[in-house]
Amino acid sequence: MAKIVYERGTIKVVWIKDDPSRIYSKMFDDLEEAKRFAKSKQDYIIFALVKQKQMRDFEWELLPFGKHRLYKLALRLYQKYGNNVMKFLKFRS
């Protein structure tokens, strides 16, 4: 079995490219370095590591950079309307 390798870092930049079914990420030890890197990406969000357990369980905090407002809105709508979120969006337009 292949050994799992984890990147080090407490700041994670996550972005999408053309295919929304895939995400890409890169880890950093420094927020300023992460922000500079993220500027080269169009659709990104940045997380800070809150805690981890045995490199298997992770808790991340969304930071106020990139598309963080859109990300939070999408999750709030899903939490409120679940799979009916599309009905809500059609009703509003």
N, C-alpha and C. Protein backbone atom coordinates (compact mmCIF):
# COMPACT_ATOMS: atom_id res chain seq x y z
N MET A 1 0.84 -1.17 0.00
CA MET A 1 0.00 0.00 0.00
C MET A 1 0.89 1.24 0.00
N ALA A 2 0.51 2.23 -0.78
CA ALA A 2 1.30 3.46 -0.89
C ALA A 2 1.17 4.28 0.39
N LYS A 3 2.26 4.90 0.78
CA LYS A 3 2.28 5.76 1.96
C LYS A 3 1.63 7.10 1.61
N ILE A 4 0.77 7.58 2.47
CA ILE A 4 0.11 8.87 2.26
C ILE A 4 1.06 9.97 2.70
N VAL A 5 1.23 10.96 1.84
CA VAL A 5 2.10 12.09 2.15
C VAL A 5 1.24 13.34 2.27
N TYR A 6 1.39 14.07 3.36
CA TYR A 6 0.66 15.30 3.58
C TYR A 6 1.61 16.48 3.46
N GLU A 7 1.13 17.54 2.82
CA GLU A 7 1.91 18.77 2.78
C GLU A 7 1.80 19.44 4.13
N ARG A 8 2.86 20.14 4.49
CA ARG A 8 2.81 20.90 5.73
C ARG A 8 2.22 22.26 5.46
N GLY A 9 1.71 22.86 6.49
CA GLY A 9 1.17 24.21 6.37
C GLY A 9 -0.11 24.36 7.15
N THR A 10 -0.38 25.59 7.54
CA THR A 10 -1.58 25.86 8.31
C THR A 10 -2.55 26.75 7.55
N ILE A 11 -2.15 27.19 6.37
CA ILE A 11 -3.02 27.99 5.52
C ILE A 11 -3.22 27.23 4.21
N LYS A 12 -4.47 27.10 3.81
CA LYS A 12 -4.78 26.35 2.58
C LYS A 12 -5.49 27.26 1.60
N VAL A 13 -4.95 27.37 0.39
CA VAL A 13 -5.62 28.06 -0.70
C VAL A 13 -6.29 26.99 -1.55
N VAL A 14 -7.58 27.17 -1.80
CA VAL A 14 -8.35 26.21 -2.60
C VAL A 14 -8.95 26.97 -3.77
N TRP A 15 -8.84 26.40 -4.96
CA TRP A 15 -9.38 27.07 -6.14
C TRP A 15 -9.94 26.06 -7.11
N ILE A 16 -10.75 26.57 -8.04
CA ILE A 16 -11.29 25.74 -9.12
C ILE A 16 -10.76 26.27 -10.44
N LYS A 17 -10.75 25.38 -11.41
CA LYS A 17 -10.38 25.78 -12.77
C LYS A 17 -11.62 25.63 -13.64
N ASP A 18 -11.51 24.96 -14.74
CA ASP A 18 -12.63 24.82 -15.67
C ASP A 18 -13.66 23.78 -15.23
N ASP A 19 -13.22 22.74 -14.55
CA ASP A 19 -14.10 21.63 -14.18
C ASP A 19 -14.54 21.81 -12.72
N PRO A 20 -15.80 22.17 -12.47
CA PRO A 20 -16.24 22.40 -11.09
C PRO A 20 -16.30 21.13 -10.24
N SER A 21 -16.12 19.97 -10.85
CA SER A 21 -16.12 18.74 -10.06
C SER A 21 -14.74 18.43 -9.48
N ARG A 22 -13.77 19.32 -9.72
CA ARG A 22 -12.43 19.17 -9.15
C ARG A 22 -12.02 20.45 -8.45
N ILE A 23 -11.34 20.28 -7.32
CA ILE A 23 -10.74 21.43 -6.65
C ILE A 23 -9.24 21.21 -6.58
N TYR A 24 -8.51 22.29 -6.44
CA TYR A 24 -7.06 22.25 -6.32
C TYR A 24 -6.70 23.01 -5.05
N SER A 25 -5.60 22.62 -4.41
CA SER A 25 -5.21 23.33 -3.20
C SER A 25 -3.71 23.33 -3.04
N LYS A 26 -3.24 24.30 -2.27
CA LYS A 26 -1.83 24.41 -1.94
C LYS A 26 -1.74 24.92 -0.51
N MET A 27 -0.79 24.35 0.24
CA MET A 27 -0.63 24.69 1.65
C MET A 27 0.52 25.68 1.83
N PHE A 28 0.35 26.54 2.82
CA PHE A 28 1.35 27.56 3.14
C PHE A 28 1.51 27.66 4.65
N ASP A 29 2.66 28.13 5.07
CA ASP A 29 2.91 28.41 6.48
C ASP A 29 2.65 29.88 6.80
N ASP A 30 2.51 30.71 5.80
CA ASP A 30 2.41 32.15 5.98
C ASP A 30 1.20 32.69 5.21
N LEU A 31 0.33 33.43 5.89
CA LEU A 31 -0.88 33.96 5.25
C LEU A 31 -0.54 34.93 4.12
N GLU A 32 0.43 35.80 4.31
CA GLU A 32 0.77 36.77 3.26
C GLU A 32 1.26 36.07 2.00
N GLU A 33 2.05 35.03 2.17
CA GLU A 33 2.52 34.25 1.01
C GLU A 33 1.34 33.58 0.31
N ALA A 34 0.40 33.06 1.10
CA ALA A 34 -0.79 32.42 0.53
C ALA A 34 -1.63 33.43 -0.25
N LYS A 35 -1.79 34.63 0.30
CA LYS A 35 -2.57 35.67 -0.39
C LYS A 35 -1.90 36.08 -1.70
N ARG A 36 -0.59 36.19 -1.70
CA ARG A 36 0.12 36.54 -2.95
C ARG A 36 -0.08 35.45 -4.00
N PHE A 37 0.04 34.20 -3.59
CA PHE A 37 -0.17 33.08 -4.51
C PHE A 37 -1.60 33.08 -5.05
N ALA A 38 -2.58 33.31 -4.17
CA ALA A 38 -3.99 33.23 -4.54
C ALA A 38 -4.37 34.28 -5.58
N LYS A 39 -3.68 35.40 -5.60
CA LYS A 39 -4.01 36.44 -6.57
C LYS A 39 -3.88 35.96 -8.01
N SER A 40 -3.08 34.92 -8.23
CA SER A 40 -2.93 34.38 -9.59
C SER A 40 -4.08 33.45 -9.97
N LYS A 41 -4.96 33.16 -9.02
CA LYS A 41 -6.11 32.29 -9.26
C LYS A 41 -7.36 33.15 -9.35
N GLN A 42 -8.29 32.76 -10.18
CA GLN A 42 -9.50 33.55 -10.35
C GLN A 42 -10.53 33.26 -9.26
N ASP A 43 -10.85 32.03 -9.05
CA ASP A 43 -11.88 31.63 -8.10
C ASP A 43 -11.22 30.84 -6.97
N TYR A 44 -11.00 31.51 -5.84
CA TYR A 44 -10.31 30.85 -4.74
C TYR A 44 -10.93 31.25 -3.40
N ILE A 45 -10.64 30.42 -2.41
CA ILE A 45 -10.94 30.72 -1.02
C ILE A 45 -9.73 30.29 -0.20
N ILE A 46 -9.60 30.87 0.98
CA ILE A 46 -8.45 30.57 1.84
C ILE A 46 -8.96 30.12 3.20
N PHE A 47 -8.38 29.05 3.72
CA PHE A 47 -8.72 28.51 5.02
C PHE A 47 -7.50 28.54 5.93
N ALA A 48 -7.75 28.63 7.24
CA ALA A 48 -6.69 28.50 8.24
C ALA A 48 -6.99 27.25 9.06
N LEU A 49 -5.95 26.49 9.34
CA LEU A 49 -6.11 25.27 10.12
C LEU A 49 -6.41 25.63 11.57
N VAL A 50 -7.50 25.07 12.09
CA VAL A 50 -7.89 25.30 13.48
C VAL A 50 -7.32 24.19 14.35
N LYS A 51 -7.53 22.94 13.91
CA LYS A 51 -6.95 21.80 14.63
C LYS A 51 -6.92 20.59 13.72
N GLN A 52 -6.08 19.65 14.11
CA GLN A 52 -6.00 18.38 13.39
C GLN A 52 -5.76 17.27 14.39
N LYS A 53 -6.14 16.07 14.02
CA LYS A 53 -5.97 14.92 14.89
C LYS A 53 -5.34 13.79 14.09
N GLN A 54 -4.12 13.45 14.43
CA GLN A 54 -3.38 12.34 13.82
C GLN A 54 -3.32 12.44 12.30
N MET A 55 -3.28 13.66 11.79
CA MET A 55 -3.20 13.90 10.34
C MET A 55 -4.30 13.18 9.57
N ARG A 56 -5.44 12.96 10.22
CA ARG A 56 -6.58 12.32 9.57
C ARG A 56 -7.83 13.20 9.63
N ASP A 57 -8.01 13.88 10.74
CA ASP A 57 -9.18 14.73 10.93
C ASP A 57 -8.70 16.17 11.02
N PHE A 58 -9.35 17.06 10.26
CA PHE A 58 -8.93 18.45 10.20
C PHE A 58 -10.14 19.36 10.38
N GLU A 59 -9.90 20.48 11.03
CA GLU A 59 -10.92 21.52 11.14
C GLU A 59 -10.31 22.80 10.58
N TRP A 60 -11.03 23.42 9.63
CA TRP A 60 -10.53 24.62 8.95
C TRP A 60 -11.49 25.78 9.17
N GLU A 61 -10.95 26.98 9.24
CA GLU A 61 -11.74 28.20 9.33
C GLU A 61 -11.62 28.96 8.01
N LEU A 62 -12.75 29.35 7.46
CA LEU A 62 -12.77 30.15 6.23
C LEU A 62 -12.30 31.56 6.55
N LEU A 63 -11.34 32.06 5.79
CA LEU A 63 -10.82 33.42 5.98
C LEU A 63 -11.47 34.36 4.97
N PRO A 64 -11.52 35.65 5.26
CA PRO A 64 -12.24 36.60 4.40
C PRO A 64 -11.45 37.07 3.17
N PHE A 65 -11.16 36.13 2.29
CA PHE A 65 -10.43 36.42 1.07
C PHE A 65 -11.05 35.67 -0.10
N GLY A 66 -10.82 36.18 -1.29
CA GLY A 66 -11.31 35.50 -2.49
C GLY A 66 -12.82 35.47 -2.54
N LYS A 67 -13.36 34.34 -2.92
CA LYS A 67 -14.82 34.16 -3.09
C LYS A 67 -15.48 33.68 -1.80
N HIS A 68 -14.98 34.12 -0.64
CA HIS A 68 -15.51 33.63 0.63
C HIS A 68 -16.98 33.99 0.82
N ARG A 69 -17.43 35.14 0.34
CA ARG A 69 -18.85 35.51 0.49
C ARG A 69 -19.76 34.59 -0.32
N LEU A 70 -19.36 34.30 -1.54
CA LEU A 70 -20.13 33.39 -2.39
C LEU A 70 -20.18 31.99 -1.79
N TYR A 71 -19.07 31.53 -1.28
CA TYR A 71 -18.99 30.21 -0.64
C TYR A 71 -19.95 30.15 0.55
N LYS A 72 -19.92 31.17 1.41
CA LYS A 72 -20.79 31.19 2.59
C LYS A 72 -22.25 31.29 2.18
N LEU A 73 -22.56 32.10 1.18
CA LEU A 73 -23.94 32.22 0.70
C LEU A 73 -24.45 30.87 0.18
N ALA A 74 -23.66 30.22 -0.63
CA ALA A 74 -24.07 28.92 -1.18
C ALA A 74 -24.34 27.91 -0.06
N LEU A 75 -23.49 27.88 0.94
CA LEU A 75 -23.69 26.94 2.04
C LEU A 75 -24.91 27.31 2.89
N ARG A 76 -25.11 28.60 3.14
CA ARG A 76 -26.29 29.02 3.91
C ARG A 76 -27.58 28.67 3.16
N LEU A 77 -27.60 28.91 1.85
CA LEU A 77 -28.78 28.56 1.06
C LEU A 77 -29.04 27.06 1.10
N TYR A 78 -27.98 26.27 0.98
CA TYR A 78 -28.14 24.83 1.02
C TYR A 78 -28.62 24.37 2.40
N GLN A 79 -28.06 24.96 3.46
CA GLN A 79 -28.48 24.58 4.81
C GLN A 79 -29.95 24.92 5.04
N LYS A 80 -30.40 26.03 4.50
CA LYS A 80 -31.78 26.47 4.70
C LYS A 80 -32.77 25.71 3.82
N TYR A 81 -32.41 25.52 2.54
CA TYR A 81 -33.36 24.95 1.57
C TYR A 81 -33.01 23.55 1.11
N GLY A 82 -31.84 23.05 1.46
CA GLY A 82 -31.44 21.71 1.06
C GLY A 82 -31.47 21.54 -0.44
N ASN A 83 -31.97 20.43 -0.90
CA ASN A 83 -32.05 20.16 -2.34
C ASN A 83 -33.06 21.05 -3.04
N ASN A 84 -33.87 21.78 -2.30
CA ASN A 84 -34.86 22.68 -2.89
C ASN A 84 -34.26 24.04 -3.20
N VAL A 85 -32.98 24.21 -3.06
CA VAL A 85 -32.35 25.52 -3.28
C VAL A 85 -32.59 26.01 -4.71
N MET A 86 -32.67 25.14 -5.67
CA MET A 86 -32.92 25.57 -7.05
C MET A 86 -34.32 26.16 -7.19
N LYS A 87 -35.29 25.62 -6.46
CA LYS A 87 -36.63 26.18 -6.47
C LYS A 87 -36.60 27.59 -5.90
N PHE A 88 -35.85 27.79 -4.85
CA PHE A 88 -35.71 29.12 -4.24
C PHE A 88 -35.11 30.10 -5.24
N LEU A 89 -34.04 29.69 -5.93
CA LEU A 89 -33.38 30.58 -6.88
C LEU A 89 -34.29 30.93 -8.05
N LYS A 90 -35.09 29.98 -8.54
CA LYS A 90 -36.02 30.25 -9.63
C LYS A 90 -37.12 31.19 -9.19
N PHE A 91 -37.57 31.04 -7.96
CA PHE A 91 -38.61 31.89 -7.43
C PHE A 91 -38.13 33.33 -7.31
N ARG A 92 -36.87 33.55 -6.98
CA ARG A 92 -36.31 34.87 -6.76
C ARG A 92 -36.02 35.62 -8.07
N SER A 93 -35.85 34.91 -9.17
CA SER A 93 -35.46 35.61 -10.41
C SER A 93 -36.64 36.09 -11.21
